[in-house]
């Protein structure tokens, strides 16, 4: 990998950490409905940086709307960070996803890059 690209990825990784703390708190903030769904393994963090409905789970229309809204806010935050750091939205989202998935608590589900949902 070229040195400048490696530096951009490192900067994007550092910036992805900012998403978790200050850059876009509303993009990561979840309502009680979403948090409850995460705790019950209905909704989980995915390797692409977005929330998803766990395979086989049923999400109410209200929950689906909230997931869609959160994911749209995340996409906007990722785009802003990606532009600032000269990397793609996908790189920024994936770096943030890694942090979000590592923060999942016992009983929550996450979707690995392979597409497999696992319960923490």
Protein backbone atom coordinates (compact mmCIF):
# COMPACT_ATOMS: atom_id res chain seq x y z
CA UNK A 1 0.00 0.00 0.00
CA UNK A 2 1.31 3.44 -0.86
CA UNK A 3 2.51 5.49 2.09
CA UNK A 4 0.00 8.32 1.50
CA UNK A 5 -2.94 5.91 1.29
CA UNK A 6 -1.82 4.23 4.50
CA UNK A 7 -1.71 7.63 6.21
CA UNK A 8 -5.20 8.43 4.92
CA UNK A 9 -6.51 5.17 6.32
CA UNK A 10 -4.88 5.87 9.68
CA UNK A 11 -6.45 9.34 9.70
CA UNK A 12 -9.81 7.86 8.77
CA UNK A 13 -9.51 5.35 11.61
CA UNK A 14 -8.77 8.15 14.04
CA UNK A 15 -11.68 10.14 12.66
CA UNK A 16 -13.97 7.14 12.94
CA UNK A 17 -13.24 7.23 16.64
CA UNK A 18 -14.46 10.81 16.66
CA UNK A 19 -17.81 9.66 15.34
CA UNK A 20 -18.23 7.69 18.52
CA UNK A 21 -17.48 10.64 20.73
CA UNK A 22 -18.37 13.95 19.18
CA UNK A 23 -18.57 14.16 15.41
CA UNK A 24 -22.08 12.81 14.99
CA UNK A 25 -23.70 11.82 18.27
CA UNK A 26 -27.18 11.90 16.75
CA UNK A 27 -26.09 9.43 14.08
CA UNK A 28 -25.23 6.89 16.73
CA UNK A 29 -27.85 7.76 19.30
CA UNK A 30 -30.59 5.20 19.47
CA UNK A 31 -34.03 5.45 20.94
CA UNK A 32 -35.21 3.18 23.71
CA UNK A 33 -37.00 1.13 21.04
CA UNK A 34 -33.78 0.52 19.10
CA UNK A 35 -31.72 -0.12 22.24
CA UNK A 36 -34.31 -2.65 23.43
CA UNK A 37 -34.25 -4.33 20.02
CA UNK A 38 -30.45 -4.50 20.17
CA UNK A 39 -30.60 -6.00 23.67
CA UNK A 40 -33.04 -8.63 22.40
CA UNK A 41 -30.98 -9.49 19.32
CA UNK A 42 -33.62 -8.16 16.92
CA UNK A 43 -31.36 -5.40 15.62
CA UNK A 44 -27.59 -5.35 15.55
CA UNK A 45 -24.52 -3.52 14.37
CA UNK A 46 -23.17 -4.68 11.04
CA UNK A 47 -19.64 -4.75 9.61
CA UNK A 48 -20.69 -2.12 7.06
CA UNK A 49 -21.28 0.50 9.77
CA UNK A 50 -25.06 0.39 9.70
CA UNK A 51 -27.78 -1.16 11.83
CA UNK A 52 -29.61 -4.18 10.48
CA UNK A 53 -32.44 -6.50 11.43
CA UNK A 54 -31.09 -9.87 12.53
CA UNK A 55 -32.01 -12.75 10.22
CA UNK A 56 -35.23 -14.39 11.39
CA UNK A 57 -36.18 -11.46 13.65
CA UNK A 58 -39.27 -9.38 13.15
CA UNK A 59 -39.06 -5.59 13.30
CA UNK A 60 -42.15 -3.43 13.66
CA UNK A 61 -42.74 -0.67 11.12
CA UNK A 62 -41.78 1.92 13.76
CA UNK A 63 -38.51 0.09 14.48
CA UNK A 64 -37.77 -0.19 10.76
CA UNK A 65 -38.32 3.59 10.37
CA UNK A 66 -35.97 4.35 13.25
CA UNK A 67 -33.29 2.04 11.83
CA UNK A 68 -33.64 3.73 8.43
CA UNK A 69 -33.35 7.20 10.03
CA UNK A 70 -30.28 6.25 12.08
CA UNK A 71 -28.62 4.65 9.06
CA UNK A 72 -29.25 7.76 6.96
CA UNK A 73 -27.73 9.96 9.67
CA UNK A 74 -24.73 7.63 9.84
CA UNK A 75 -24.27 7.74 6.07
CA UNK A 76 -24.20 11.54 6.18
CA UNK A 77 -21.67 11.52 9.04
CA UNK A 78 -19.52 8.94 7.24
CA UNK A 79 -19.61 11.00 4.04
CA UNK A 80 -18.46 14.12 5.87
CA UNK A 81 -15.59 12.28 7.57
CA UNK A 82 -14.60 10.50 4.38
CA UNK A 83 -14.44 13.76 2.47
CA UNK A 84 -12.32 15.38 5.18
CA UNK A 85 -9.89 12.46 5.17
CA UNK A 86 -9.78 11.70 1.46
CA UNK A 87 -11.12 8.16 1.78
CA UNK A 88 -14.34 6.46 0.78
CA UNK A 89 -17.55 6.39 2.80
CA UNK A 90 -17.20 2.61 2.93
CA UNK A 91 -13.77 2.80 4.55
CA UNK A 92 -15.00 5.27 7.16
CA UNK A 93 -18.13 3.20 7.81
CA UNK A 94 -16.17 -0.04 8.16
CA UNK A 95 -13.70 1.51 10.60
CA UNK A 96 -16.55 2.86 12.70
CA UNK A 97 -18.37 -0.48 12.48
CA UNK A 98 -15.41 -2.23 14.03
CA UNK A 99 -15.56 0.10 17.03
CA UNK A 100 -19.35 -0.19 17.35
CA UNK A 101 -19.26 -3.97 17.14
CA UNK A 102 -16.57 -4.09 19.81
CA UNK A 103 -18.87 -2.05 22.07
CA UNK A 104 -21.76 -4.51 21.75
CA UNK A 105 -22.77 -5.90 25.11
CA UNK A 106 -23.55 -9.44 26.15
CA UNK A 107 -26.74 -10.70 24.52
CA UNK A 108 -26.55 -8.34 21.54
CA UNK A 109 -26.00 -9.55 17.98
CA UNK A 110 -23.51 -8.27 15.43
CA UNK A 111 -23.15 -9.12 11.77
CA UNK A 112 -19.65 -10.04 10.71
CA UNK A 113 -18.19 -9.14 7.34
CA UNK A 114 -19.01 -12.67 6.15
CA UNK A 115 -22.71 -11.87 6.66
CA UNK A 116 -23.07 -14.18 9.65
CA UNK A 117 -24.94 -12.86 12.68
CA UNK A 118 -23.36 -13.80 16.01
CA UNK A 119 -24.60 -13.25 19.52
CA UNK A 120 -22.07 -11.69 21.86
